Amino acid sequence: MDWVSDNLDLIGSLTLDHLRQSVIAIVAGFLLSLPLGWVAWRYRLLRGWVITVTGLLYTIPSLALLMILPVVAGYPATSETNLVIALTIY
């Protein structure tokens, strides 16, 4: 318990970082999923494509995605943007 009490500032800071990253990804995922869901519901011809593409995104292992994403997106591997994009995809 000494470590926790000695590092409350660090714990609080890291908790806020985690919450910020998670909330951004959740909001972005929600904003992307609504129009995709509407397109899949409205246009029967596109329904299969939307379901297939979004389903394929779930099959990519997370570690592989975190290695491929910097190459595709052009951000450094340790960038917070990569993390948010990966969380949004999942």
N, C-alpha and C. Protein backbone atom coordinates (compact mmCIF):
# COMPACT_ATOMS: atom_id res chain seq x y z
N MET A 1 0.81 -1.20 0.00
CA MET A 1 0.00 0.00 0.00
C MET A 1 0.85 1.26 0.00
N ASP A 2 2.11 1.14 0.40
CA ASP A 2 2.97 2.32 0.38
C ASP A 2 3.17 2.84 -1.04
N TRP A 3 3.31 1.91 -2.00
CA TRP A 3 3.54 2.33 -3.38
C TRP A 3 2.35 3.12 -3.90
N VAL A 4 1.15 2.65 -3.60
CA VAL A 4 -0.06 3.33 -4.08
C VAL A 4 -0.14 4.73 -3.49
N SER A 5 0.06 4.85 -2.21
CA SER A 5 -0.03 6.17 -1.59
C SER A 5 1.10 7.10 -2.04
N ASP A 6 2.25 6.53 -2.36
CA ASP A 6 3.37 7.36 -2.84
C ASP A 6 3.19 7.80 -4.30
N ASN A 7 2.36 7.11 -5.05
CA ASN A 7 2.23 7.38 -6.49
C ASN A 7 0.81 7.74 -6.91
N LEU A 8 0.06 8.37 -6.03
CA LEU A 8 -1.32 8.74 -6.37
C LEU A 8 -1.39 9.69 -7.56
N ASP A 9 -0.44 10.60 -7.67
CA ASP A 9 -0.43 11.52 -8.81
C ASP A 9 -0.25 10.77 -10.13
N LEU A 10 0.67 9.83 -10.15
CA LEU A 10 0.91 9.03 -11.35
C LEU A 10 -0.32 8.19 -11.70
N ILE A 11 -0.91 7.56 -10.70
CA ILE A 11 -2.10 6.74 -10.93
C ILE A 11 -3.24 7.59 -11.47
N GLY A 12 -3.44 8.75 -10.90
CA GLY A 12 -4.50 9.65 -11.38
C GLY A 12 -4.25 10.12 -12.80
N SER A 13 -3.01 10.46 -13.10
CA SER A 13 -2.66 10.92 -14.45
C SER A 13 -2.86 9.82 -15.48
N LEU A 14 -2.41 8.62 -15.18
CA LEU A 14 -2.57 7.50 -16.11
C LEU A 14 -4.03 7.10 -16.27
N THR A 15 -4.81 7.22 -15.21
CA THR A 15 -6.24 6.92 -15.30
C THR A 15 -6.94 7.91 -16.21
N LEU A 16 -6.60 9.19 -16.09
CA LEU A 16 -7.20 10.20 -16.98
C LEU A 16 -6.77 9.99 -18.43
N ASP A 17 -5.51 9.61 -18.65
CA ASP A 17 -5.06 9.30 -20.02
C ASP A 17 -5.87 8.15 -20.60
N HIS A 18 -6.05 7.10 -19.81
CA HIS A 18 -6.80 5.93 -20.26
C HIS A 18 -8.25 6.30 -20.57
N LEU A 19 -8.87 7.08 -19.71
CA LEU A 19 -10.25 7.49 -19.94
C LEU A 19 -10.38 8.34 -21.21
N ARG A 20 -9.44 9.25 -21.41
CA ARG A 20 -9.47 10.10 -22.61
C ARG A 20 -9.36 9.26 -23.87
N GLN A 21 -8.41 8.34 -23.90
CA GLN A 21 -8.21 7.49 -25.08
C GLN A 21 -9.43 6.61 -25.33
N SER A 22 -9.99 6.06 -24.28
CA SER A 22 -11.14 5.18 -24.42
C SER A 22 -12.38 5.94 -24.88
N VAL A 23 -12.62 7.09 -24.30
CA VAL A 23 -13.82 7.87 -24.66
C VAL A 23 -13.73 8.34 -26.11
N ILE A 24 -12.56 8.77 -26.55
CA ILE A 24 -12.40 9.19 -27.94
C ILE A 24 -12.71 8.03 -28.88
N ALA A 25 -12.18 6.84 -28.57
CA ALA A 25 -12.41 5.68 -29.43
C ALA A 25 -13.88 5.25 -29.42
N ILE A 26 -14.53 5.31 -28.27
CA ILE A 26 -15.93 4.92 -28.18
C ILE A 26 -16.81 5.88 -28.98
N VAL A 27 -16.56 7.17 -28.84
CA VAL A 27 -17.35 8.17 -29.58
C VAL A 27 -17.11 8.02 -31.08
N ALA A 28 -15.85 7.85 -31.48
CA ALA A 28 -15.54 7.69 -32.91
C ALA A 28 -16.19 6.43 -33.47
N GLY A 29 -16.13 5.34 -32.72
CA GLY A 29 -16.77 4.10 -33.16
C GLY A 29 -18.28 4.25 -33.29
N PHE A 30 -18.88 4.96 -32.37
CA PHE A 30 -20.32 5.21 -32.42
C PHE A 30 -20.67 6.06 -33.64
N LEU A 31 -19.88 7.10 -33.88
CA LEU A 31 -20.16 7.99 -35.01
C LEU A 31 -19.93 7.29 -36.36
N LEU A 32 -19.05 6.31 -36.40
CA LEU A 32 -18.86 5.54 -37.63
C LEU A 32 -19.91 4.45 -37.79
N SER A 33 -20.33 3.85 -36.69
CA SER A 33 -21.25 2.72 -36.78
C SER A 33 -22.67 3.14 -37.15
N LEU A 34 -23.09 4.31 -36.73
CA LEU A 34 -24.45 4.74 -37.07
C LEU A 34 -24.67 4.87 -38.58
N PRO A 35 -23.83 5.60 -39.30
CA PRO A 35 -24.05 5.67 -40.75
C PRO A 35 -23.84 4.32 -41.45
N LEU A 36 -22.89 3.53 -40.99
CA LEU A 36 -22.69 2.21 -41.60
C LEU A 36 -23.90 1.31 -41.37
N GLY A 37 -24.45 1.36 -40.18
CA GLY A 37 -25.67 0.59 -39.89
C GLY A 37 -26.84 1.06 -40.71
N TRP A 38 -26.96 2.37 -40.88
CA TRP A 38 -28.05 2.91 -41.69
C TRP A 38 -27.91 2.48 -43.15
N VAL A 39 -26.68 2.54 -43.68
CA VAL A 39 -26.44 2.11 -45.07
C VAL A 39 -26.77 0.63 -45.23
N ALA A 40 -26.35 -0.19 -44.28
CA ALA A 40 -26.63 -1.63 -44.35
C ALA A 40 -28.13 -1.90 -44.26
N TRP A 41 -28.83 -1.12 -43.50
CA TRP A 41 -30.28 -1.30 -43.36
C TRP A 41 -31.03 -0.79 -44.58
N ARG A 42 -30.60 0.36 -45.09
CA ARG A 42 -31.33 1.04 -46.17
C ARG A 42 -31.07 0.42 -47.54
N TYR A 43 -29.83 0.06 -47.82
CA TYR A 43 -29.46 -0.43 -49.15
C TYR A 43 -29.11 -1.91 -49.08
N ARG A 44 -30.02 -2.72 -49.49
CA ARG A 44 -29.86 -4.17 -49.41
C ARG A 44 -28.63 -4.64 -50.19
N LEU A 45 -28.34 -3.99 -51.31
CA LEU A 45 -27.21 -4.38 -52.14
C LEU A 45 -25.87 -4.17 -51.40
N LEU A 46 -25.78 -3.14 -50.59
CA LEU A 46 -24.54 -2.85 -49.85
C LEU A 46 -24.45 -3.57 -48.51
N ARG A 47 -25.54 -4.15 -48.07
CA ARG A 47 -25.57 -4.80 -46.76
C ARG A 47 -24.49 -5.86 -46.61
N GLY A 48 -24.37 -6.70 -47.61
CA GLY A 48 -23.36 -7.76 -47.56
C GLY A 48 -21.94 -7.22 -47.49
N TRP A 49 -21.66 -6.17 -48.25
CA TRP A 49 -20.34 -5.57 -48.23
C TRP A 49 -20.03 -4.95 -46.87
N VAL A 50 -20.97 -4.22 -46.33
CA VAL A 50 -20.74 -3.57 -45.03
C VAL A 50 -20.49 -4.62 -43.95
N ILE A 51 -21.31 -5.65 -43.93
CA ILE A 51 -21.16 -6.70 -42.91
C ILE A 51 -19.85 -7.45 -43.11
N THR A 52 -19.49 -7.73 -44.35
CA THR A 52 -18.24 -8.45 -44.63
C THR A 52 -17.02 -7.64 -44.22
N VAL A 53 -16.96 -6.39 -44.63
CA VAL A 53 -15.79 -5.56 -44.32
C VAL A 53 -15.66 -5.33 -42.82
N THR A 54 -16.76 -5.01 -42.16
CA THR A 54 -16.67 -4.78 -40.72
C THR A 54 -16.36 -6.08 -39.97
N GLY A 55 -16.86 -7.19 -40.47
CA GLY A 55 -16.54 -8.48 -39.86
C GLY A 55 -15.07 -8.85 -40.03
N LEU A 56 -14.51 -8.52 -41.19
CA LEU A 56 -13.09 -8.79 -41.42
C LEU A 56 -12.20 -7.97 -40.49
N LEU A 57 -12.62 -6.78 -40.14
CA LEU A 57 -11.82 -5.96 -39.22
C LEU A 57 -11.68 -6.63 -37.86
N TYR A 58 -12.70 -7.38 -37.44
CA TYR A 58 -12.63 -8.07 -36.15
C TYR A 58 -11.65 -9.24 -36.17
N THR A 59 -11.35 -9.76 -37.37
CA THR A 59 -10.49 -10.94 -37.43
C THR A 59 -9.01 -10.60 -37.35
N ILE A 60 -8.66 -9.32 -37.49
CA ILE A 60 -7.25 -8.92 -37.43
C ILE A 60 -6.80 -8.95 -35.96
N PRO A 61 -5.78 -9.75 -35.64
CA PRO A 61 -5.29 -9.77 -34.25
C PRO A 61 -4.79 -8.38 -33.84
N SER A 62 -4.98 -8.04 -32.59
CA SER A 62 -4.66 -6.69 -32.13
C SER A 62 -3.18 -6.35 -32.26
N LEU A 63 -2.29 -7.29 -31.96
CA LEU A 63 -0.86 -7.00 -32.09
C LEU A 63 -0.48 -6.78 -33.54
N ALA A 64 -1.06 -7.56 -34.44
CA ALA A 64 -0.78 -7.36 -35.87
C ALA A 64 -1.29 -6.00 -36.32
N LEU A 65 -2.46 -5.63 -35.85
CA LEU A 65 -3.03 -4.33 -36.22
C LEU A 65 -2.13 -3.20 -35.73
N LEU A 66 -1.62 -3.32 -34.53
CA LEU A 66 -0.75 -2.28 -33.98
C LEU A 66 0.59 -2.19 -34.71
N MET A 67 0.98 -3.26 -35.41
CA MET A 67 2.20 -3.23 -36.21
C MET A 67 1.93 -2.74 -37.64
N ILE A 68 0.76 -3.08 -38.19
CA ILE A 68 0.42 -2.69 -39.56
C ILE A 68 -0.06 -1.24 -39.63
N LEU A 69 -0.77 -0.81 -38.62
CA LEU A 69 -1.38 0.52 -38.62
C LEU A 69 -0.38 1.66 -38.83
N PRO A 70 0.79 1.65 -38.19
CA PRO A 70 1.73 2.75 -38.44
C PRO A 70 2.16 2.84 -39.91
N VAL A 71 2.28 1.70 -40.57
CA VAL A 71 2.67 1.69 -41.98
C VAL A 71 1.55 2.27 -42.83
N VAL A 72 0.32 1.86 -42.55
CA VAL A 72 -0.83 2.29 -43.35
C VAL A 72 -1.19 3.75 -43.05
N ALA A 73 -1.26 4.10 -41.78
CA ALA A 73 -1.71 5.44 -41.39
C ALA A 73 -0.59 6.47 -41.42
N GLY A 74 0.65 6.03 -41.30
CA GLY A 74 1.77 6.95 -41.35
C GLY A 74 2.13 7.62 -40.04
N TYR A 75 1.59 7.12 -38.94
CA TYR A 75 1.93 7.66 -37.63
C TYR A 75 3.00 6.80 -36.99
N PRO A 76 3.79 7.34 -36.06
CA PRO A 76 4.78 6.51 -35.35
C PRO A 76 4.08 5.39 -34.58
N ALA A 77 4.78 4.28 -34.40
CA ALA A 77 4.19 3.11 -33.75
C ALA A 77 3.74 3.40 -32.33
N THR A 78 4.41 4.30 -31.64
CA THR A 78 4.06 4.60 -30.25
C THR A 78 3.10 5.77 -30.13
N SER A 79 2.54 6.21 -31.24
CA SER A 79 1.64 7.35 -31.24
C SER A 79 0.30 6.99 -30.59
N GLU A 80 -0.23 7.94 -29.86
CA GLU A 80 -1.55 7.75 -29.26
C GLU A 80 -2.62 7.63 -30.34
N THR A 81 -2.39 8.25 -31.48
CA THR A 81 -3.34 8.17 -32.59
C THR A 81 -3.51 6.74 -33.06
N ASN A 82 -2.42 5.97 -33.13
CA ASN A 82 -2.52 4.56 -33.51
C ASN A 82 -3.40 3.79 -32.54
N LEU A 83 -3.23 4.05 -31.28
CA LEU A 83 -4.03 3.37 -30.26
C LEU A 83 -5.51 3.70 -30.43
N VAL A 84 -5.81 4.96 -30.62
CA VAL A 84 -7.21 5.38 -30.76
C VAL A 84 -7.82 4.78 -32.02
N ILE A 85 -7.07 4.75 -33.12
CA ILE A 85 -7.59 4.15 -34.36
C ILE A 85 -7.86 2.66 -34.15
N ALA A 86 -6.93 1.96 -33.52
CA ALA A 86 -7.12 0.53 -33.28
C ALA A 86 -8.32 0.28 -32.37
N LEU A 87 -8.47 1.06 -31.32
CA LEU A 87 -9.62 0.89 -30.43
C LEU A 87 -10.92 1.21 -31.15
N THR A 88 -10.90 2.18 -32.04
CA THR A 88 -12.09 2.54 -32.80
C THR A 88 -12.49 1.40 -33.73
N ILE A 89 -11.52 0.77 -34.36
CA ILE A 89 -11.82 -0.34 -35.27
C ILE A 89 -12.44 -1.50 -34.51
N TYR A 90 -11.94 -1.79 -33.32
CA TYR A 90 -12.49 -2.90 -32.56
C TYR A 90 -13.76 -2.49 -31.86
